[in-house]
Amino acid sequence: MIIRHACLTVLLYAVAVSAAHAADVPVEVTRRLQEIYAEKYPDNPLMRESLIRGQIQAYRDLEKWKSERGVPQDVFDKLRETYKRKYPENYTMQKALLESAVATFLEGRD
């Protein structure tokens, strides 16, 4: 019984922390991330919290990243849209692929 109570306490804390950290992220994004990771890691609230936190940070980074010096805007926008379509609910993947594509593009220009 004590272990169940401790797990429930950790779970409630993780959800509260997620919500507090995501105040600037649309509710539907946060809610969907919570659903995804609750399904993938039903017995591991700490893993869920860590992954949700990473996804929220990547979402914020992508929202701020509107262009890249040295990359034509149309190229940047196309790359960004491609990864957004391919991984619509995986912001860390979108960000990693966009970073890699931008780096590759810039290396090719040197």
N, C-alpha and C. Protein backbone atom coordinates (compact mmCIF):
# COMPACT_ATOMS: atom_id res chain seq x y z
N MET A 1 0.82 -1.19 0.00
CA MET A 1 0.00 0.00 0.00
C MET A 1 0.87 1.26 0.00
N ILE A 2 1.94 1.24 0.77
CA ILE A 2 2.83 2.40 0.84
C ILE A 2 3.49 2.64 -0.51
N ILE A 3 3.88 1.56 -1.19
CA ILE A 3 4.51 1.70 -2.51
C ILE A 3 3.52 2.30 -3.50
N ARG A 4 2.28 1.84 -3.47
CA ARG A 4 1.27 2.41 -4.37
C ARG A 4 1.08 3.90 -4.11
N HIS A 5 1.03 4.26 -2.85
CA HIS A 5 0.86 5.67 -2.49
C HIS A 5 2.05 6.49 -2.99
N ALA A 6 3.24 5.96 -2.83
CA ALA A 6 4.45 6.67 -3.28
C ALA A 6 4.44 6.82 -4.79
N CYS A 7 4.03 5.77 -5.50
CA CYS A 7 3.97 5.85 -6.97
C CYS A 7 2.94 6.87 -7.42
N LEU A 8 1.79 6.88 -6.76
CA LEU A 8 0.75 7.84 -7.10
C LEU A 8 1.23 9.26 -6.82
N THR A 9 1.93 9.46 -5.72
CA THR A 9 2.46 10.79 -5.39
C THR A 9 3.45 11.25 -6.45
N VAL A 10 4.34 10.36 -6.87
CA VAL A 10 5.32 10.70 -7.91
C VAL A 10 4.61 11.02 -9.22
N LEU A 11 3.61 10.23 -9.57
CA LEU A 11 2.86 10.45 -10.80
C LEU A 11 2.16 11.80 -10.78
N LEU A 12 1.48 12.11 -9.69
CA LEU A 12 0.79 13.40 -9.59
C LEU A 12 1.78 14.56 -9.63
N TYR A 13 2.91 14.41 -9.00
CA TYR A 13 3.94 15.44 -9.04
C TYR A 13 4.44 15.64 -10.47
N ALA A 14 4.68 14.54 -11.17
CA ALA A 14 5.19 14.61 -12.55
C ALA A 14 4.19 15.32 -13.45
N VAL A 15 2.92 15.01 -13.31
CA VAL A 15 1.90 15.67 -14.13
C VAL A 15 1.83 17.15 -13.79
N ALA A 16 1.89 17.49 -12.52
CA ALA A 16 1.85 18.90 -12.12
C ALA A 16 3.06 19.66 -12.64
N VAL A 17 4.22 19.05 -12.57
CA VAL A 17 5.44 19.69 -13.07
C VAL A 17 5.33 19.89 -14.58
N SER A 18 4.83 18.88 -15.29
CA SER A 18 4.66 19.01 -16.74
C SER A 18 3.76 20.17 -17.08
N ALA A 19 2.66 20.26 -16.40
CA ALA A 19 1.70 21.33 -16.67
C ALA A 19 2.31 22.69 -16.37
N ALA A 20 3.04 22.79 -15.28
CA ALA A 20 3.65 24.07 -14.91
C ALA A 20 4.72 24.48 -15.91
N HIS A 21 5.49 23.51 -16.38
CA HIS A 21 6.56 23.82 -17.33
C HIS A 21 6.03 24.12 -18.72
N ALA A 22 4.79 23.76 -18.98
CA ALA A 22 4.26 23.89 -20.32
C ALA A 22 3.26 25.03 -20.46
N ALA A 23 3.31 26.00 -19.57
CA ALA A 23 2.33 27.08 -19.59
C ALA A 23 2.31 27.83 -20.92
N ASP A 24 3.45 27.91 -21.61
CA ASP A 24 3.52 28.63 -22.88
C ASP A 24 3.33 27.72 -24.10
N VAL A 25 2.98 26.46 -23.86
CA VAL A 25 2.76 25.49 -24.92
C VAL A 25 1.25 25.23 -24.99
N PRO A 26 0.69 25.16 -26.19
CA PRO A 26 -0.75 24.91 -26.29
C PRO A 26 -1.18 23.67 -25.50
N VAL A 27 -2.31 23.78 -24.84
CA VAL A 27 -2.82 22.69 -24.00
C VAL A 27 -2.96 21.40 -24.79
N GLU A 28 -3.42 21.49 -26.04
CA GLU A 28 -3.61 20.27 -26.82
C GLU A 28 -2.28 19.56 -27.09
N VAL A 29 -1.19 20.32 -27.22
CA VAL A 29 0.13 19.71 -27.43
C VAL A 29 0.56 18.98 -26.17
N THR A 30 0.45 19.64 -25.04
CA THR A 30 0.84 19.04 -23.77
C THR A 30 -0.01 17.81 -23.48
N ARG A 31 -1.31 17.93 -23.69
CA ARG A 31 -2.22 16.82 -23.43
C ARG A 31 -1.87 15.62 -24.32
N ARG A 32 -1.60 15.88 -25.57
CA ARG A 32 -1.28 14.78 -26.48
C ARG A 32 0.04 14.10 -26.10
N LEU A 33 1.03 14.88 -25.71
CA LEU A 33 2.29 14.30 -25.26
C LEU A 33 2.07 13.43 -24.02
N GLN A 34 1.25 13.89 -23.11
CA GLN A 34 0.96 13.10 -21.91
C GLN A 34 0.27 11.79 -22.29
N GLU A 35 -0.65 11.83 -23.24
CA GLU A 35 -1.32 10.61 -23.70
C GLU A 35 -0.33 9.64 -24.34
N ILE A 36 0.51 10.16 -25.21
CA ILE A 36 1.48 9.32 -25.92
C ILE A 36 2.39 8.59 -24.94
N TYR A 37 2.96 9.34 -23.99
CA TYR A 37 3.93 8.74 -23.09
C TYR A 37 3.28 7.94 -21.96
N ALA A 38 2.03 8.23 -21.64
CA ALA A 38 1.30 7.38 -20.68
C ALA A 38 1.07 6.01 -21.29
N GLU A 39 0.81 5.99 -22.59
CA GLU A 39 0.60 4.71 -23.30
C GLU A 39 1.91 3.95 -23.44
N LYS A 40 2.99 4.65 -23.77
CA LYS A 40 4.28 3.98 -23.98
C LYS A 40 4.93 3.53 -22.67
N TYR A 41 4.75 4.31 -21.60
CA TYR A 41 5.41 4.02 -20.32
C TYR A 41 4.40 4.07 -19.18
N PRO A 42 3.42 3.16 -19.18
CA PRO A 42 2.37 3.23 -18.16
C PRO A 42 2.87 3.03 -16.73
N ASP A 43 3.97 2.33 -16.57
CA ASP A 43 4.48 2.03 -15.23
C ASP A 43 5.73 2.82 -14.86
N ASN A 44 6.03 3.85 -15.63
CA ASN A 44 7.27 4.58 -15.38
C ASN A 44 7.02 6.10 -15.47
N PRO A 45 6.47 6.68 -14.42
CA PRO A 45 6.15 8.12 -14.45
C PRO A 45 7.38 9.01 -14.60
N LEU A 46 8.51 8.59 -14.09
CA LEU A 46 9.72 9.41 -14.21
C LEU A 46 10.21 9.46 -15.66
N MET A 47 10.12 8.33 -16.35
CA MET A 47 10.49 8.30 -17.76
C MET A 47 9.54 9.20 -18.56
N ARG A 48 8.24 9.07 -18.28
CA ARG A 48 7.25 9.91 -18.96
C ARG A 48 7.56 11.38 -18.76
N GLU A 49 7.81 11.76 -17.54
CA GLU A 49 8.09 13.17 -17.23
C GLU A 49 9.32 13.67 -17.97
N SER A 50 10.36 12.86 -17.97
CA SER A 50 11.60 13.25 -18.65
C SER A 50 11.36 13.44 -20.15
N LEU A 51 10.66 12.51 -20.76
CA LEU A 51 10.42 12.59 -22.21
C LEU A 51 9.48 13.75 -22.55
N ILE A 52 8.47 13.96 -21.73
CA ILE A 52 7.55 15.08 -21.96
C ILE A 52 8.30 16.40 -21.84
N ARG A 53 9.14 16.50 -20.83
CA ARG A 53 9.93 17.72 -20.65
C ARG A 53 10.81 18.00 -21.87
N GLY A 54 11.44 16.95 -22.39
CA GLY A 54 12.28 17.11 -23.58
C GLY A 54 11.48 17.52 -24.80
N GLN A 55 10.31 16.92 -24.96
CA GLN A 55 9.44 17.27 -26.10
C GLN A 55 8.96 18.71 -25.99
N ILE A 56 8.60 19.13 -24.79
CA ILE A 56 8.13 20.51 -24.60
C ILE A 56 9.24 21.50 -24.90
N GLN A 57 10.45 21.20 -24.46
CA GLN A 57 11.57 22.10 -24.75
C GLN A 57 11.83 22.16 -26.25
N ALA A 58 11.79 21.01 -26.91
CA ALA A 58 12.00 20.99 -28.37
C ALA A 58 10.89 21.78 -29.07
N TYR A 59 9.65 21.66 -28.61
CA TYR A 59 8.54 22.42 -29.18
C TYR A 59 8.82 23.91 -29.07
N ARG A 60 9.23 24.34 -27.87
CA ARG A 60 9.55 25.76 -27.67
C ARG A 60 10.68 26.21 -28.59
N ASP A 61 11.71 25.40 -28.69
CA ASP A 61 12.85 25.76 -29.55
C ASP A 61 12.41 25.90 -31.00
N LEU A 62 11.58 24.98 -31.46
CA LEU A 62 11.09 25.04 -32.84
C LEU A 62 10.22 26.27 -33.07
N GLU A 63 9.42 26.63 -32.08
CA GLU A 63 8.57 27.81 -32.21
C GLU A 63 9.39 29.09 -32.34
N LYS A 64 10.54 29.13 -31.69
CA LYS A 64 11.42 30.31 -31.75
C LYS A 64 12.29 30.32 -33.00
N TRP A 65 12.55 29.15 -33.55
CA TRP A 65 13.51 29.00 -34.66
C TRP A 65 12.78 29.23 -35.97
N LYS A 66 12.78 30.45 -36.43
CA LYS A 66 12.03 30.84 -37.63
C LYS A 66 12.90 30.91 -38.88
N SER A 67 14.20 31.01 -38.70
CA SER A 67 15.11 31.09 -39.85
C SER A 67 16.51 30.72 -39.37
N GLU A 68 17.40 30.56 -40.34
CA GLU A 68 18.79 30.24 -40.02
C GLU A 68 19.69 31.03 -40.96
N ARG A 69 20.62 31.75 -40.40
CA ARG A 69 21.55 32.54 -41.20
C ARG A 69 22.30 31.62 -42.16
N GLY A 70 22.32 32.02 -43.42
CA GLY A 70 23.01 31.24 -44.44
C GLY A 70 22.13 30.24 -45.17
N VAL A 71 20.90 30.07 -44.69
CA VAL A 71 19.97 29.14 -45.33
C VAL A 71 18.82 29.97 -45.91
N PRO A 72 18.59 29.89 -47.21
CA PRO A 72 17.47 30.64 -47.79
C PRO A 72 16.16 30.29 -47.06
N GLN A 73 15.32 31.29 -46.86
CA GLN A 73 14.10 31.08 -46.09
C GLN A 73 13.21 29.98 -46.67
N ASP A 74 13.12 29.94 -48.01
CA ASP A 74 12.27 28.91 -48.61
C ASP A 74 12.81 27.50 -48.35
N VAL A 75 14.12 27.36 -48.34
CA VAL A 75 14.74 26.07 -48.05
C VAL A 75 14.49 25.69 -46.59
N PHE A 76 14.71 26.63 -45.69
CA PHE A 76 14.48 26.38 -44.27
C PHE A 76 13.03 25.98 -44.02
N ASP A 77 12.10 26.74 -44.60
CA ASP A 77 10.67 26.47 -44.40
C ASP A 77 10.29 25.10 -44.94
N LYS A 78 10.85 24.72 -46.08
CA LYS A 78 10.53 23.42 -46.67
C LYS A 78 11.06 22.28 -45.79
N LEU A 79 12.28 22.43 -45.30
CA LEU A 79 12.84 21.42 -44.40
C LEU A 79 11.98 21.29 -43.15
N ARG A 80 11.67 22.41 -42.57
CA ARG A 80 10.88 22.42 -41.34
C ARG A 80 9.52 21.75 -41.56
N GLU A 81 8.85 22.09 -42.65
CA GLU A 81 7.53 21.52 -42.95
C GLU A 81 7.62 20.03 -43.23
N THR A 82 8.68 19.60 -43.90
CA THR A 82 8.88 18.18 -44.18
C THR A 82 8.95 17.37 -42.89
N TYR A 83 9.75 17.83 -41.95
CA TYR A 83 9.91 17.10 -40.69
C TYR A 83 8.67 17.21 -39.82
N LYS A 84 7.98 18.31 -39.90
CA LYS A 84 6.73 18.48 -39.15
C LYS A 84 5.67 17.51 -39.66
N ARG A 85 5.60 17.33 -40.96
CA ARG A 85 4.65 16.38 -41.55
C ARG A 85 5.03 14.93 -41.22
N LYS A 86 6.31 14.65 -41.29
CA LYS A 86 6.77 13.27 -41.08
C LYS A 86 6.67 12.85 -39.61
N TYR A 87 6.91 13.77 -38.69
CA TYR A 87 6.90 13.48 -37.26
C TYR A 87 6.03 14.51 -36.53
N PRO A 88 4.72 14.50 -36.76
CA PRO A 88 3.86 15.58 -36.26
C PRO A 88 3.80 15.72 -34.75
N GLU A 89 4.04 14.67 -34.02
CA GLU A 89 3.95 14.75 -32.56
C GLU A 89 5.27 14.42 -31.88
N ASN A 90 6.36 14.49 -32.64
CA ASN A 90 7.67 14.20 -32.07
C ASN A 90 8.58 15.41 -32.34
N TYR A 91 8.52 16.35 -31.42
CA TYR A 91 9.24 17.61 -31.59
C TYR A 91 10.74 17.45 -31.44
N THR A 92 11.18 16.51 -30.61
CA THR A 92 12.62 16.30 -30.49
C THR A 92 13.19 15.75 -31.80
N MET A 93 12.43 14.89 -32.48
CA MET A 93 12.88 14.36 -33.77
C MET A 93 12.88 15.47 -34.81
N GLN A 94 11.83 16.27 -34.86
CA GLN A 94 11.78 17.39 -35.81
C GLN A 94 13.00 18.30 -35.63
N LYS A 95 13.28 18.63 -34.38
CA LYS A 95 14.38 19.55 -34.09
C LYS A 95 15.73 18.93 -34.48
N ALA A 96 15.93 17.66 -34.12
CA ALA A 96 17.21 16.99 -34.43
C ALA A 96 17.42 16.90 -35.94
N LEU A 97 16.38 16.55 -36.68
CA LEU A 97 16.51 16.43 -38.13
C LEU A 97 16.72 17.79 -38.78
N LEU A 98 16.03 18.80 -38.28
CA LEU A 98 16.21 20.15 -38.82
C LEU A 98 17.63 20.66 -38.53
N GLU A 99 18.11 20.43 -37.34
CA GLU A 99 19.49 20.82 -37.01
C GLU A 99 20.48 20.14 -37.95
N SER A 100 20.29 18.86 -38.16
CA SER A 100 21.19 18.10 -39.03
C SER A 100 21.11 18.60 -40.48
N ALA A 101 19.91 18.83 -40.96
CA ALA A 101 19.73 19.30 -42.34
C ALA A 101 20.34 20.68 -42.54
N VAL A 102 20.15 21.55 -41.56
CA VAL A 102 20.72 22.90 -41.65
C VAL A 102 22.24 22.81 -41.66
N ALA A 103 22.80 22.00 -40.77
CA ALA A 103 24.25 21.84 -40.73
C ALA A 103 24.78 21.30 -42.05
N THR A 104 24.10 20.31 -42.60
CA THR A 104 24.51 19.74 -43.89
C THR A 104 24.45 20.78 -45.00
N PHE A 105 23.39 21.55 -45.02
CA PHE A 105 23.24 22.60 -46.02
C PHE A 105 24.37 23.62 -45.92
N LEU A 106 24.66 24.04 -44.69
CA LEU A 106 25.71 25.04 -44.49
C LEU A 106 27.09 24.49 -44.83
N GLU A 107 27.34 23.22 -44.54
CA GLU A 107 28.63 22.61 -44.90
C GLU A 107 28.80 22.55 -46.41
N GLY A 108 27.72 22.31 -47.11
CA GLY A 108 27.77 22.22 -48.56
C GLY A 108 28.04 23.57 -49.22
N ARG A 109 27.83 24.63 -48.49
CA ARG A 109 28.05 25.96 -49.04
C ARG A 109 29.48 26.45 -48.81
N ASP A 110 30.21 25.77 -47.96
CA ASP A 110 31.60 26.19 -47.66
C ASP A 110 32.55 25.86 -48.78
